[in-house]
């Protein structure tokens, strides 16, 4: 990085720290003046003033950290549905911690690229590749949670149907799912049960679950509940049929996964082969591969290769992805 740019960044960071310290000092100074006035007027003793000052410092520290986190979350909320993705993944970390981890991973990627003596144009690529790993982990966690929810849904619908046949209400049937089924479906149904306890209609509470877990089979269940509340009908029988359909879909999906396994492996090999060959050729003959970065034609070839790789990945995904 250019030394001038580094100097500017350091200057801005130092100015921001000084302004933050001055702001805190001004707030503490104002509180000291108020405490002295209250002591002089007899409204507060010196011991109470010192105790209030300690409490005030602790509260200011908590509010400062919380304010930074809230400000960061407000900024992130303007970029896509990242908060919703974290909610759907049931992430154990917040978005602010996630951002710090991503920046650290990107720095590790750049340092690793420098240690491996990668060409300078490849250092941002190394940083981006390692820095995106936390986001890929969030998406993987979200996908696994959706898959577990889909697998647990047929058993949950059967439990609710049995509870309805035994004379319980729909809310009681949802409570049975919360007590008998493991996470994640117990967690989502528990949130719906608590929401309807607070006065939210049961169909609206289930729609909120669908927002967090956009499962098509669960949408059928939500629609059936909404129709049954308006027009009546045997909800238990409908739930049994939905559960049977879901089980059949899983059986067909298993057959499709077995038949498309060869295509998926071929796609992985075809996508990874050019990247592996690039690094192999770079370590065998660095000067030959550096022409791709130093010459205009080489940079155009790299851009064309990236575009063709993306098009190939999309085509292979469309071929092996069969919707049921």
C-alpha atoms as a PDB file:
ATOM      1  CA  UNK A   1       0.000   0.000   0.000  1.00  0.00           C
ATOM      2  CA  UNK A   2       1.159   3.551  -0.734  1.00  0.00           C
ATOM      3  CA  UNK A   3       2.836   5.165   2.333  1.00  0.00           C
ATOM      4  CA  UNK A   4       0.774   8.320   1.768  1.00  0.00           C
ATOM      5  CA  UNK A   5      -2.463   6.336   2.029  1.00  0.00           C
ATOM      6  CA  UNK A   6      -1.208   4.632   5.194  1.00  0.00           C
ATOM      7  CA  UNK A   7      -0.333   8.009   6.722  1.00  0.00           C
ATOM      8  CA  UNK A   8      -3.780   9.392   5.912  1.00  0.00           C
ATOM      9  CA  UNK A   9      -5.508   6.391   7.469  1.00  0.00           C
ATOM     10  CA  UNK A  10      -3.394   6.622  10.623  1.00  0.00           C
ATOM     11  CA  UNK A  11      -4.103  10.362  10.875  1.00  0.00           C
ATOM     12  CA  UNK A  12      -7.867   9.831  10.558  1.00  0.00           C
ATOM     13  CA  UNK A  13      -7.793   7.043  13.161  1.00  0.00           C
ATOM     14  CA  UNK A  14      -5.828   9.177  15.658  1.00  0.00           C
ATOM     15  CA  UNK A  15      -8.169  12.160  15.155  1.00  0.00           C
ATOM     16  CA  UNK A  16     -11.215   9.918  15.705  1.00  0.00           C
ATOM     17  CA  UNK A  17      -9.731   8.509  18.931  1.00  0.00           C
ATOM     18  CA  UNK A  18      -8.891  12.014  20.231  1.00  0.00           C
ATOM     19  CA  UNK A  19     -12.407  13.264  19.458  1.00  0.00           C
ATOM     20  CA  UNK A  20     -13.943  10.268  21.237  1.00  0.00           C
ATOM     21  CA  UNK A  21     -11.773  10.870  24.315  1.00  0.00           C
ATOM     22  CA  UNK A  22     -12.665  14.575  24.337  1.00  0.00           C
ATOM     23  CA  UNK A  23     -16.366  13.750  24.060  1.00  0.00           C
ATOM     24  CA  UNK A  24     -16.176  11.370  27.032  1.00  0.00           C
ATOM     25  CA  UNK A  25     -14.192  13.896  29.072  1.00  0.00           C
ATOM     26  CA  UNK A  26     -16.740  16.627  28.343  1.00  0.00           C
ATOM     27  CA  UNK A  27     -19.599  14.381  29.446  1.00  0.00           C
ATOM     28  CA  UNK A  28     -17.759  13.474  32.659  1.00  0.00           C
ATOM     29  CA  UNK A  29     -16.938  17.150  33.285  1.00  0.00           C
ATOM     30  CA  UNK A  30     -20.575  18.135  32.903  1.00  0.00           C
ATOM     31  CA  UNK A  31     -21.607  15.432  35.349  1.00  0.00           C
ATOM     32  CA  UNK A  32     -19.000  16.641  37.865  1.00  0.00           C
ATOM     33  CA  UNK A  33     -20.404  20.192  37.741  1.00  0.00           C
ATOM     34  CA  UNK A  34     -23.955  18.912  38.252  1.00  0.00           C
ATOM     35  CA  UNK A  35     -22.863  16.779  41.218  1.00  0.00           C
ATOM     36  CA  UNK A  36     -21.094  19.740  42.855  1.00  0.00           C
ATOM     37  CA  UNK A  37     -24.179  21.943  42.458  1.00  0.00           C
ATOM     38  CA  UNK A  38     -26.391  19.290  44.023  1.00  0.00           C
ATOM     39  CA  UNK A  39     -23.952  18.876  46.948  1.00  0.00           C
ATOM     40  CA  UNK A  40     -23.841  22.645  47.523  1.00  0.00           C
ATOM     41  CA  UNK A  41     -27.635  22.941  47.467  1.00  0.00           C
ATOM     42  CA  UNK A  42     -27.981  20.040  49.897  1.00  0.00           C
ATOM     43  CA  UNK A  43     -29.863  17.714  47.547  1.00  0.00           C
ATOM     44  CA  UNK A  44     -27.118  15.100  47.580  1.00  0.00           C
ATOM     45  CA  UNK A  45     -24.253  14.120  49.861  1.00  0.00           C
ATOM     46  CA  UNK A  46     -20.636  13.721  48.724  1.00  0.00           C
ATOM     47  CA  UNK A  47     -20.794   9.932  49.165  1.00  0.00           C
ATOM     48  CA  UNK A  48     -23.903   9.712  46.996  1.00  0.00           C
ATOM     49  CA  UNK A  49     -22.288  11.906  44.349  1.00  0.00           C
ATOM     50  CA  UNK A  50     -19.172   9.710  44.161  1.00  0.00           C
ATOM     51  CA  UNK A  51     -21.301   6.570  43.999  1.00  0.00           C
ATOM     52  CA  UNK A  52     -23.442   8.048  41.223  1.00  0.00           C
ATOM     53  CA  UNK A  53     -20.256   8.962  39.354  1.00  0.00           C
ATOM     54  CA  UNK A  54     -19.060   5.342  39.430  1.00  0.00           C
ATOM     55  CA  UNK A  55     -22.425   4.099  38.220  1.00  0.00           C
ATOM     56  CA  UNK A  56     -22.461   6.769  35.512  1.00  0.00           C
ATOM     57  CA  UNK A  57     -19.049   5.703  34.210  1.00  0.00           C
ATOM     58  CA  UNK A  58     -20.161   2.070  34.011  1.00  0.00           C
ATOM     59  CA  UNK A  59     -23.374   3.006  32.244  1.00  0.00           C
ATOM     60  CA  UNK A  60     -21.524   5.242  29.778  1.00  0.00           C
ATOM     61  CA  UNK A  61     -19.135   2.410  28.962  1.00  0.00           C
ATOM     62  CA  UNK A  62     -22.033   0.002  28.363  1.00  0.00           C
ATOM     63  CA  UNK A  63     -23.940   2.540  26.296  1.00  0.00           C
ATOM     64  CA  UNK A  64     -20.827   3.330  24.265  1.00  0.00           C
ATOM     65  CA  UNK A  65     -20.206  -0.296  23.348  1.00  0.00           C
ATOM     66  CA  UNK A  66     -23.905  -0.892  22.715  1.00  0.00           C
ATOM     67  CA  UNK A  67     -24.154   2.270  20.644  1.00  0.00           C
ATOM     68  CA  UNK A  68     -21.276   1.212  18.411  1.00  0.00           C
ATOM     69  CA  UNK A  69     -22.887  -2.194  17.914  1.00  0.00           C
ATOM     70  CA  UNK A  70     -26.286  -0.653  17.120  1.00  0.00           C
ATOM     71  CA  UNK A  71     -24.754   1.843  14.701  1.00  0.00           C
ATOM     72  CA  UNK A  72     -22.918  -0.948  12.911  1.00  0.00           C
ATOM     73  CA  UNK A  73     -26.108  -3.020  12.710  1.00  0.00           C
ATOM     74  CA  UNK A  74     -27.991  -0.040  11.241  1.00  0.00           C
ATOM     75  CA  UNK A  75     -25.328   0.336   8.554  1.00  0.00           C
ATOM     76  CA  UNK A  76     -25.419  -3.397   7.762  1.00  0.00           C
ATOM     77  CA  UNK A  77     -29.230  -3.400   7.547  1.00  0.00           C
ATOM     78  CA  UNK A  78     -28.979  -1.251   4.410  1.00  0.00           C
ATOM     79  CA  UNK A  79     -27.023  -3.968   2.584  1.00  0.00           C
ATOM     80  CA  UNK A  80     -29.333  -6.835   1.706  1.00  0.00           C
ATOM     81  CA  UNK A  81     -30.885  -9.196   4.237  1.00  0.00           C
ATOM     82  CA  UNK A  82     -27.767  -9.974   6.280  1.00  0.00           C
ATOM     83  CA  UNK A  83     -29.617  -9.655   9.641  1.00  0.00           C
ATOM     84  CA  UNK A  84     -32.277 -12.059   8.341  1.00  0.00           C
ATOM     85  CA  UNK A  85     -29.583 -14.518   7.216  1.00  0.00           C
ATOM     86  CA  UNK A  86     -28.066 -14.457  10.709  1.00  0.00           C
ATOM     87  CA  UNK A  87     -31.503 -14.999  12.221  1.00  0.00           C
ATOM     88  CA  UNK A  88     -32.222 -17.890   9.865  1.00  0.00           C
ATOM     89  CA  UNK A  89     -28.846 -19.469  10.614  1.00  0.00           C
ATOM     90  CA  UNK A  90     -29.430 -19.005  14.372  1.00  0.00           C
ATOM     91  CA  UNK A  91     -25.883 -17.691  14.538  1.00  0.00           C
ATOM     92  CA  UNK A  92     -24.147 -17.760  17.941  1.00  0.00           C
ATOM     93  CA  UNK A  93     -22.289 -14.524  17.068  1.00  0.00           C
ATOM     94  CA  UNK A  94     -23.553 -11.078  16.150  1.00  0.00           C
ATOM     95  CA  UNK A  95     -22.986  -9.170  12.942  1.00  0.00           C
ATOM     96  CA  UNK A  96     -20.401  -6.873  14.540  1.00  0.00           C
ATOM     97  CA  UNK A  97     -18.300  -9.824  15.764  1.00  0.00           C
ATOM     98  CA  UNK A  98     -18.750 -11.462  12.366  1.00  0.00           C
ATOM     99  CA  UNK A  99     -17.364  -8.355  10.638  1.00  0.00           C
ATOM    100  CA  UNK A 100     -14.298  -8.343  12.888  1.00  0.00           C
ATOM    101  CA  UNK A 101     -13.667 -12.039  12.205  1.00  0.00           C
ATOM    102  CA  UNK A 102     -14.022 -11.461   8.447  1.00  0.00           C
ATOM    103  CA  UNK A 103     -11.508  -8.591   8.514  1.00  0.00           C
ATOM    104  CA  UNK A 104      -9.043 -10.682  10.525  1.00  0.00           C
ATOM    105  CA  UNK A 105      -9.437 -13.597   8.103  1.00  0.00           C
ATOM    106  CA  UNK A 106      -8.836 -11.252   5.160  1.00  0.00           C
ATOM    107  CA  UNK A 107      -5.645  -9.995   6.816  1.00  0.00           C
ATOM    108  CA  UNK A 108      -4.525 -13.577   7.413  1.00  0.00           C
ATOM    109  CA  UNK A 109      -5.155 -14.324   3.743  1.00  0.00           C
ATOM    110  CA  UNK A 110      -3.010 -11.385   2.614  1.00  0.00           C
ATOM    111  CA  UNK A 111      -0.206 -12.325   5.013  1.00  0.00           C
ATOM    112  CA  UNK A 112      -0.406 -15.936   3.879  1.00  0.00           C
ATOM    113  CA  UNK A 113      -0.182 -14.858   0.256  1.00  0.00           C
ATOM    114  CA  UNK A 114       2.887 -12.761   1.029  1.00  0.00           C
ATOM    115  CA  UNK A 115       4.476 -15.685   2.889  1.00  0.00           C
ATOM    116  CA  UNK A 116       3.801 -17.946  -0.105  1.00  0.00           C
ATOM    117  CA  UNK A 117       5.437 -15.332  -2.370  1.00  0.00           C
ATOM    118  CA  UNK A 118       2.292 -14.874  -4.437  1.00  0.00           C
ATOM    119  CA  UNK A 119       2.319 -12.104  -7.050  1.00  0.00           C
ATOM    120  CA  UNK A 120       1.173  -8.697  -5.829  1.00  0.00           C
ATOM    121  CA  UNK A 121      -2.051  -8.688  -7.923  1.00  0.00           C
ATOM    122  CA  UNK A 122      -3.025 -11.980  -6.253  1.00  0.00           C
ATOM    123  CA  UNK A 123      -2.801 -10.630  -2.692  1.00  0.00           C
ATOM    124  CA  UNK A 124      -6.297  -9.032  -2.761  1.00  0.00           C
ATOM    125  CA  UNK A 125      -7.637 -12.288  -4.175  1.00  0.00           C
ATOM    126  CA  UNK A 126      -6.044 -14.219  -1.297  1.00  0.00           C
ATOM    127  CA  UNK A 127      -7.503 -11.780   1.224  1.00  0.00           C
ATOM    128  CA  UNK A 128     -10.957 -11.956  -0.333  1.00  0.00           C
ATOM    129  CA  UNK A 129     -10.854 -15.761  -0.524  1.00  0.00           C
ATOM    130  CA  UNK A 130     -10.009 -16.182   3.163  1.00  0.00           C
ATOM    131  CA  UNK A 131     -12.130 -13.221   4.274  1.00  0.00           C
ATOM    132  CA  UNK A 132     -15.282 -14.671   2.721  1.00  0.00           C
ATOM    133  CA  UNK A 133     -14.938 -17.946   4.653  1.00  0.00           C
ATOM    134  CA  UNK A 134     -16.955 -16.703   7.694  1.00  0.00           C
ATOM    135  CA  UNK A 135     -19.807 -15.714   5.384  1.00  0.00           C
ATOM    136  CA  UNK A 136     -19.648 -19.126   3.704  1.00  0.00           C
ATOM    137  CA  UNK A 137     -19.825 -20.696   7.173  1.00  0.00           C
ATOM    138  CA  UNK A 138     -22.959 -18.695   7.961  1.00  0.00           C
ATOM    139  CA  UNK A 139     -24.575 -19.817   4.692  1.00  0.00           C
ATOM    140  CA  UNK A 140     -23.558 -23.443   5.377  1.00  0.00           C
ATOM    141  CA  UNK A 141     -25.019 -23.274   8.894  1.00  0.00           C
ATOM    142  CA  UNK A 142     -28.212 -21.744   7.476  1.00  0.00           C
ATOM    143  CA  UNK A 143     -28.510 -24.452   4.810  1.00  0.00           C
ATOM    144  CA  UNK A 144     -27.974 -27.259   7.338  1.00  0.00           C
ATOM    145  CA  UNK A 145     -30.575 -25.761   9.656  1.00  0.00           C
ATOM    146  CA  UNK A 146     -33.114 -25.580   6.815  1.00  0.00           C
ATOM    147  CA  UNK A 147     -32.374 -29.220   5.928  1.00  0.00           C
ATOM    148  CA  UNK A 148     -32.881 -30.391   9.541  1.00  0.00           C
ATOM    149  CA  UNK A 149     -36.127 -28.418   9.759  1.00  0.00           C
ATOM    150  CA  UNK A 150     -37.404 -30.061   6.555  1.00  0.00           C
ATOM    151  CA  UNK A 151     -36.535 -33.536   7.855  1.00  0.00           C
ATOM    152  CA  UNK A 152     -38.327 -32.927  11.163  1.00  0.00           C
ATOM    153  CA  UNK A 153     -41.433 -31.386   9.601  1.00  0.00           C
ATOM    154  CA  UNK A 154     -43.354 -34.624   8.722  1.00  0.00           C
ATOM    155  CA  UNK A 155     -43.035 -35.991  12.264  1.00  0.00           C
ATOM    156  CA  UNK A 156     -44.083 -32.635  13.685  1.00  0.00           C
ATOM    157  CA  UNK A 157     -47.184 -32.474  11.493  1.00  0.00           C
ATOM    158  CA  UNK A 158     -48.152 -35.987  12.597  1.00  0.00           C
ATOM    159  CA  UNK A 159     -47.753 -34.981  16.254  1.00  0.00           C
ATOM    160  CA  UNK A 160     -50.015 -31.976  15.745  1.00  0.00           C
ATOM    161  CA  UNK A 161     -52.584 -34.141  13.912  1.00  0.00           C
ATOM    162  CA  UNK A 162     -52.649 -36.651  16.764  1.00  0.00           C
ATOM    163  CA  UNK A 163     -53.060 -33.842  19.298  1.00  0.00           C
ATOM    164  CA  UNK A 164     -55.993 -32.420  17.302  1.00  0.00           C
ATOM    165  CA  UNK A 165     -57.682 -35.846  17.115  1.00  0.00           C
ATOM    166  CA  UNK A 166     -57.335 -36.256  20.877  1.00  0.00           C
ATOM    167  CA  UNK A 167     -59.243 -33.009  21.437  1.00  0.00           C
ATOM    168  CA  UNK A 168     -56.435 -30.516  21.925  1.00  0.00           C
ATOM    169  CA  UNK A 169     -56.257 -27.134  20.247  1.00  0.00           C
ATOM    170  CA  UNK A 170     -53.753 -26.189  17.582  1.00  0.00           C
ATOM    171  CA  UNK A 171     -51.729 -24.210  20.130  1.00  0.00           C
ATOM    172  CA  UNK A 172     -51.537 -27.283  22.364  1.00  0.00           C
ATOM    173  CA  UNK A 173     -50.403 -29.348  19.391  1.00  0.00           C
ATOM    174  CA  UNK A 174     -47.617 -26.844  18.713  1.00  0.00           C
ATOM    175  CA  UNK A 175     -46.628 -27.068  22.368  1.00  0.00           C
ATOM    176  CA  UNK A 176     -46.356 -30.864  22.009  1.00  0.00           C
ATOM    177  CA  UNK A 177     -43.914 -30.335  19.119  1.00  0.00           C
ATOM    178  CA  UNK A 178     -41.883 -27.966  21.307  1.00  0.00           C
ATOM    179  CA  UNK A 179     -41.679 -30.566  24.063  1.00  0.00           C
ATOM    180  CA  UNK A 180     -41.057 -33.680  21.944  1.00  0.00           C
ATOM    181  CA  UNK A 181     -39.011 -32.565  18.942  1.00  0.00           C
ATOM    182  CA  UNK A 182     -35.359 -31.426  18.919  1.00  0.00           C
ATOM    183  CA  UNK A 183     -33.912 -28.185  17.582  1.00  0.00           C
ATOM    184  CA  UNK A 184     -34.399 -26.391  15.166  1.00  0.00           C
ATOM    185  CA  UNK A 185     -38.117 -27.122  14.749  1.00  0.00           C
ATOM    186  CA  UNK A 186     -38.740 -27.007  18.498  1.00  0.00           C
ATOM    187  CA  UNK A 187     -37.087 -23.579  18.678  1.00  0.00           C
ATOM    188  CA  UNK A 188     -39.137 -22.159  15.791  1.00  0.00           C
ATOM    189  CA  UNK A 189     -42.428 -23.623  17.015  1.00  0.00           C
ATOM    190  CA  UNK A 190     -41.670 -22.382  20.520  1.00  0.00           C
ATOM    191  CA  UNK A 191     -41.330 -18.843  19.181  1.00  0.00           C
ATOM    192  CA  UNK A 192     -44.674 -19.223  17.404  1.00  0.00           C
ATOM    193  CA  UNK A 193     -46.266 -20.585  20.599  1.00  0.00           C
ATOM    194  CA  UNK A 194     -44.933 -17.686  22.667  1.00  0.00           C
ATOM    195  CA  UNK A 195     -46.122 -15.164  20.083  1.00  0.00           C
ATOM    196  CA  UNK A 196     -49.678 -16.520  20.129  1.00  0.00           C
ATOM    197  CA  UNK A 197     -49.584 -16.441  23.929  1.00  0.00           C
ATOM    198  CA  UNK A 198     -48.832 -12.725  23.665  1.00  0.00           C
ATOM    199  CA  UNK A 199     -51.938 -12.150  21.543  1.00  0.00           C
ATOM    200  CA  UNK A 200     -50.670 -12.601  17.979  1.00  0.00           C
ATOM    201  CA  UNK A 201     -53.016 -14.756  15.849  1.00  0.00           C
ATOM    202  CA  UNK A 202     -51.719 -18.271  15.391  1.00  0.00           C
ATOM    203  CA  UNK A 203     -51.680 -18.026  11.599  1.00  0.00           C
ATOM    204  CA  UNK A 204     -49.619 -14.827  11.768  1.00  0.00           C
ATOM    205  CA  UNK A 205     -47.204 -16.465  14.224  1.00  0.00           C
ATOM    206  CA  UNK A 206     -46.742 -19.362  11.797  1.00  0.00           C
ATOM    207  CA  UNK A 207     -46.154 -16.895   8.951  1.00  0.00           C
ATOM    208  CA  UNK A 208     -43.359 -15.395  11.029  1.00  0.00           C
ATOM    209  CA  UNK A 209     -41.833 -18.868  11.291  1.00  0.00           C
ATOM    210  CA  UNK A 210     -42.042 -19.187   7.501  1.00  0.00           C
ATOM    211  CA  UNK A 211     -40.179 -15.884   7.166  1.00  0.00           C
ATOM    212  CA  UNK A 212     -37.331 -17.342   9.217  1.00  0.00           C
ATOM    213  CA  UNK A 213     -37.513 -20.796   7.604  1.00  0.00           C
ATOM    214  CA  UNK A 214     -38.766 -20.433   4.000  1.00  0.00           C
ATOM    215  CA  UNK A 215     -39.719 -24.080   3.531  1.00  0.00           C
ATOM    216  CA  UNK A 216     -42.323 -24.805   0.828  1.00  0.00           C
ATOM    217  CA  UNK A 217     -43.862 -27.722   2.732  1.00  0.00           C
ATOM    218  CA  UNK A 218     -44.218 -25.577   5.829  1.00  0.00           C
ATOM    219  CA  UNK A 219     -45.940 -22.948   3.682  1.00  0.00           C
ATOM    220  CA  UNK A 220     -48.601 -25.578   2.833  1.00  0.00           C
ATOM    221  CA  UNK A 221     -49.107 -26.086   6.573  1.00  0.00           C
ATOM    222  CA  UNK A 222     -49.445 -22.328   7.187  1.00  0.00           C
ATOM    223  CA  UNK A 223     -51.925 -22.005   4.316  1.00  0.00           C
ATOM    224  CA  UNK A 224     -53.966 -24.957   5.609  1.00  0.00           C
ATOM    225  CA  UNK A 225     -54.153 -23.388   9.087  1.00  0.00           C
ATOM    226  CA  UNK A 226     -55.244 -20.024   7.650  1.00  0.00           C
ATOM    227  CA  UNK A 227     -57.971 -21.647   5.516  1.00  0.00           C
ATOM    228  CA  UNK A 228     -59.172 -23.837   8.388  1.00  0.00           C
ATOM    229  CA  UNK A 229     -59.527 -20.804  10.675  1.00  0.00           C
ATOM    230  CA  UNK A 230     -61.673 -19.037   8.073  1.00  0.00           C
ATOM    231  CA  UNK A 231     -63.706 -21.862   6.523  1.00  0.00           C
ATOM    232  CA  UNK A 232     -63.345 -24.756   8.963  1.00  0.00           C
ATOM    233  CA  UNK A 233     -62.573 -28.357   8.057  1.00  0.00           C
ATOM    234  CA  UNK A 234     -60.653 -31.377   9.304  1.00  0.00           C
ATOM    235  CA  UNK A 235     -57.185 -29.962   9.890  1.00  0.00           C
ATOM    236  CA  UNK A 236     -55.825 -33.264  11.231  1.00  0.00           C
ATOM    237  CA  UNK A 237     -56.547 -35.079   7.968  1.00  0.00           C
ATOM    238  CA  UNK A 238     -54.943 -32.257   5.962  1.00  0.00           C
ATOM    239  CA  UNK A 239     -51.808 -32.425   8.097  1.00  0.00           C
ATOM    240  CA  UNK A 240     -51.579 -36.211   7.592  1.00  0.00           C
ATOM    241  CA  UNK A 241     -51.739 -35.736   3.818  1.00  0.00           C
ATOM    242  CA  UNK A 242     -49.120 -32.977   3.883  1.00  0.00           C
ATOM    243  CA  UNK A 243     -46.816 -35.197   5.948  1.00  0.00           C
ATOM    244  CA  UNK A 244     -47.277 -38.090   3.490  1.00  0.00           C
ATOM    245  CA  UNK A 245     -46.468 -35.810   0.541  1.00  0.00           C
ATOM    246  CA  UNK A 246     -43.347 -34.513   2.283  1.00  0.00           C
ATOM    247  CA  UNK A 247     -42.098 -38.056   2.929  1.00  0.00           C
ATOM    248  CA  UNK A 248     -42.627 -38.994  -0.728  1.00  0.00           C
ATOM    249  CA  UNK A 249     -40.748 -35.919  -1.835  1.00  0.00           C
ATOM    250  CA  UNK A 250     -37.811 -36.887   0.366  1.00  0.00           C
ATOM    251  CA  UNK A 251     -37.800 -40.377  -1.153  1.00  0.00           C
ATOM    252  CA  UNK A 252     -37.737 -38.989  -4.710  1.00  0.00           C
ATOM    253  CA  UNK A 253     -35.089 -36.425  -3.756  1.00  0.00           C
ATOM    254  CA  UNK A 254     -32.855 -39.219  -2.476  1.00  0.00           C
ATOM    255  CA  UNK A 255     -33.125 -41.001  -5.835  1.00  0.00           C
ATOM    256  CA  UNK A 256     -32.341 -37.766  -7.688  1.00  0.00           C
ATOM    257  CA  UNK A 257     -29.284 -37.146  -5.494  1.00  0.00           C
ATOM    258  CA  UNK A 258     -27.992 -40.640  -6.288  1.00  0.00           C
ATOM    259  CA  UNK A 259     -28.527 -40.217 -10.039  1.00  0.00           C
ATOM    260  CA  UNK A 260     -26.915 -36.754 -10.212  1.00  0.00           C
ATOM    261  CA  UNK A 261     -23.893 -37.611  -8.041  1.00  0.00           C
ATOM    262  CA  UNK A 262     -21.635 -38.122 -11.052  1.00  0.00           C
ATOM    263  CA  UNK A 263     -22.617 -34.739 -12.495  1.00  0.00           C
ATOM    264  CA  UNK A 264     -21.900 -32.954  -9.199  1.00  0.00           C
ATOM    265  CA  UNK A 265     -18.442 -34.511  -8.900  1.00  0.00           C
ATOM    266  CA  UNK A 266     -17.675 -33.652 -12.532  1.00  0.00           C
ATOM    267  CA  UNK A 267     -18.697 -30.048 -11.908  1.00  0.00           C
ATOM    268  CA  UNK A 268     -16.423 -29.775  -8.866  1.00  0.00           C
ATOM    269  CA  UNK A 269     -13.466 -31.203 -10.819  1.00  0.00           C
ATOM    270  CA  UNK A 270     -14.046 -28.931 -13.818  1.00  0.00           C
ATOM    271  CA  UNK A 271     -14.318 -25.844 -11.605  1.00  0.00           C
ATOM    272  CA  UNK A 272     -11.230 -26.629  -9.514  1.00  0.00           C
ATOM    273  CA  UNK A 273      -8.954 -27.841 -12.328  1.00  0.00           C
ATOM    274  CA  UNK A 274      -8.113 -24.402 -13.897  1.00  0.00           C
ATOM    275  CA  UNK A 275      -7.358 -22.864 -10.495  1.00  0.00           C
ATOM    276  CA  UNK A 276      -5.110 -25.747  -9.428  1.00  0.00           C
ATOM    277  CA  UNK A 277      -3.263 -25.704 -12.771  1.00  0.00           C
ATOM    278  CA  UNK A 278      -2.711 -21.941 -12.439  1.00  0.00           C
ATOM    279  CA  UNK A 279      -0.942 -22.304  -9.081  1.00  0.00           C
ATOM    280  CA  UNK A 280       1.037 -25.341 -10.254  1.00  0.00           C
ATOM    281  CA  UNK A 281       2.285 -23.491 -13.332  1.00  0.00           C
ATOM    282  CA  UNK A 282       3.061 -20.408 -11.242  1.00  0.00           C
ATOM    283  CA  UNK A 283       5.345 -22.332  -8.896  1.00  0.00           C
ATOM    284  CA  UNK A 284       6.972 -24.184 -11.806  1.00  0.00           C
ATOM    285  CA  UNK A 285       7.558 -21.091 -13.957  1.00  0.00           C
ATOM    286  CA  UNK A 286       6.611 -17.790 -12.251  1.00  0.00           C
ATOM    287  CA  UNK A 287       7.939 -15.560 -15.042  1.00  0.00           C
ATOM    288  CA  UNK A 288       5.781 -17.313 -17.620  1.00  0.00           C
ATOM    289  CA  UNK A 289       2.601 -16.895 -15.536  1.00  0.00           C
ATOM    290  CA  UNK A 290       3.369 -13.273 -14.615  1.00  0.00           C
ATOM    291  CA  UNK A 291       2.668 -12.345 -18.224  1.00  0.00           C
ATOM    292  CA  UNK A 292      -1.010 -12.727 -17.356  1.00  0.00           C
ATOM    293  CA  UNK A 293      -0.671  -9.751 -14.978  1.00  0.00           C
ATOM    294  CA  UNK A 294       1.921  -7.564 -16.701  1.00  0.00           C
ATOM    295  CA  UNK A 295       0.506  -7.688 -20.240  1.00  0.00           C
ATOM    296  CA  UNK A 296      -2.844  -6.191 -21.267  1.00  0.00           C
ATOM    297  CA  UNK A 297      -3.759  -9.316 -23.230  1.00  0.00           C
ATOM    298  CA  UNK A 298      -3.001 -11.457 -20.183  1.00  0.00           C
ATOM    299  CA  UNK A 299      -5.327  -9.410 -17.977  1.00  0.00           C
ATOM    300  CA  UNK A 300      -8.047  -9.726 -20.601  1.00  0.00           C
ATOM    301  CA  UNK A 301      -7.511 -13.499 -20.642  1.00  0.00           C
ATOM    302  CA  UNK A 302      -7.886 -13.643 -16.847  1.00  0.00           C
ATOM    303  CA  UNK A 303     -11.118 -11.629 -17.003  1.00  0.00           C
ATOM    304  CA  UNK A 304     -12.460 -13.888 -19.747  1.00  0.00           C
ATOM    305  CA  UNK A 305     -11.492 -17.005 -17.771  1.00  0.00           C
ATOM    306  CA  UNK A 306     -13.337 -15.740 -14.665  1.00  0.00           C
ATOM    307  CA  UNK A 307     -16.469 -14.989 -16.701  1.00  0.00           C
ATOM    308  CA  UNK A 308     -16.356 -18.409 -18.382  1.00  0.00           C
ATOM    309  CA  UNK A 309     -15.848 -20.112 -15.007  1.00  0.00           C
ATOM    310  CA  UNK A 310     -18.950 -18.398 -13.621  1.00  0.00           C
ATOM    311  CA  UNK A 311     -21.020 -19.286 -16.699  1.00  0.00           C
ATOM    312  CA  UNK A 312     -19.827 -22.880 -16.492  1.00  0.00           C
ATOM    313  CA  UNK A 313     -20.751 -23.098 -12.810  1.00  0.00           C
ATOM    314  CA  UNK A 314     -24.242 -21.741 -13.527  1.00  0.00           C
ATOM    315  CA  UNK A 315     -24.770 -24.177 -16.416  1.00  0.00           C
ATOM    316  CA  UNK A 316     -23.592 -27.192 -14.407  1.00  0.00           C
ATOM    317  CA  UNK A 317     -25.841 -26.198 -11.490  1.00  0.00           C
ATOM    318  CA  UNK A 318     -28.841 -25.911 -13.800  1.00  0.00           C
ATOM    319  CA  UNK A 319     -28.118 -29.365 -15.238  1.00  0.00           C
ATOM    320  CA  UNK A 320     -27.781 -31.233 -11.943  1.00  0.00           C
ATOM    321  CA  UNK A 321     -30.431 -29.264  -9.989  1.00  0.00           C
ATOM    322  CA  UNK A 322     -33.814 -30.930 -10.416  1.00  0.00           C
ATOM    323  CA  UNK A 323     -36.694 -29.321  -8.557  1.00  0.00           C
ATOM    324  CA  UNK A 324     -39.318 -31.643  -7.085  1.00  0.00           C
END
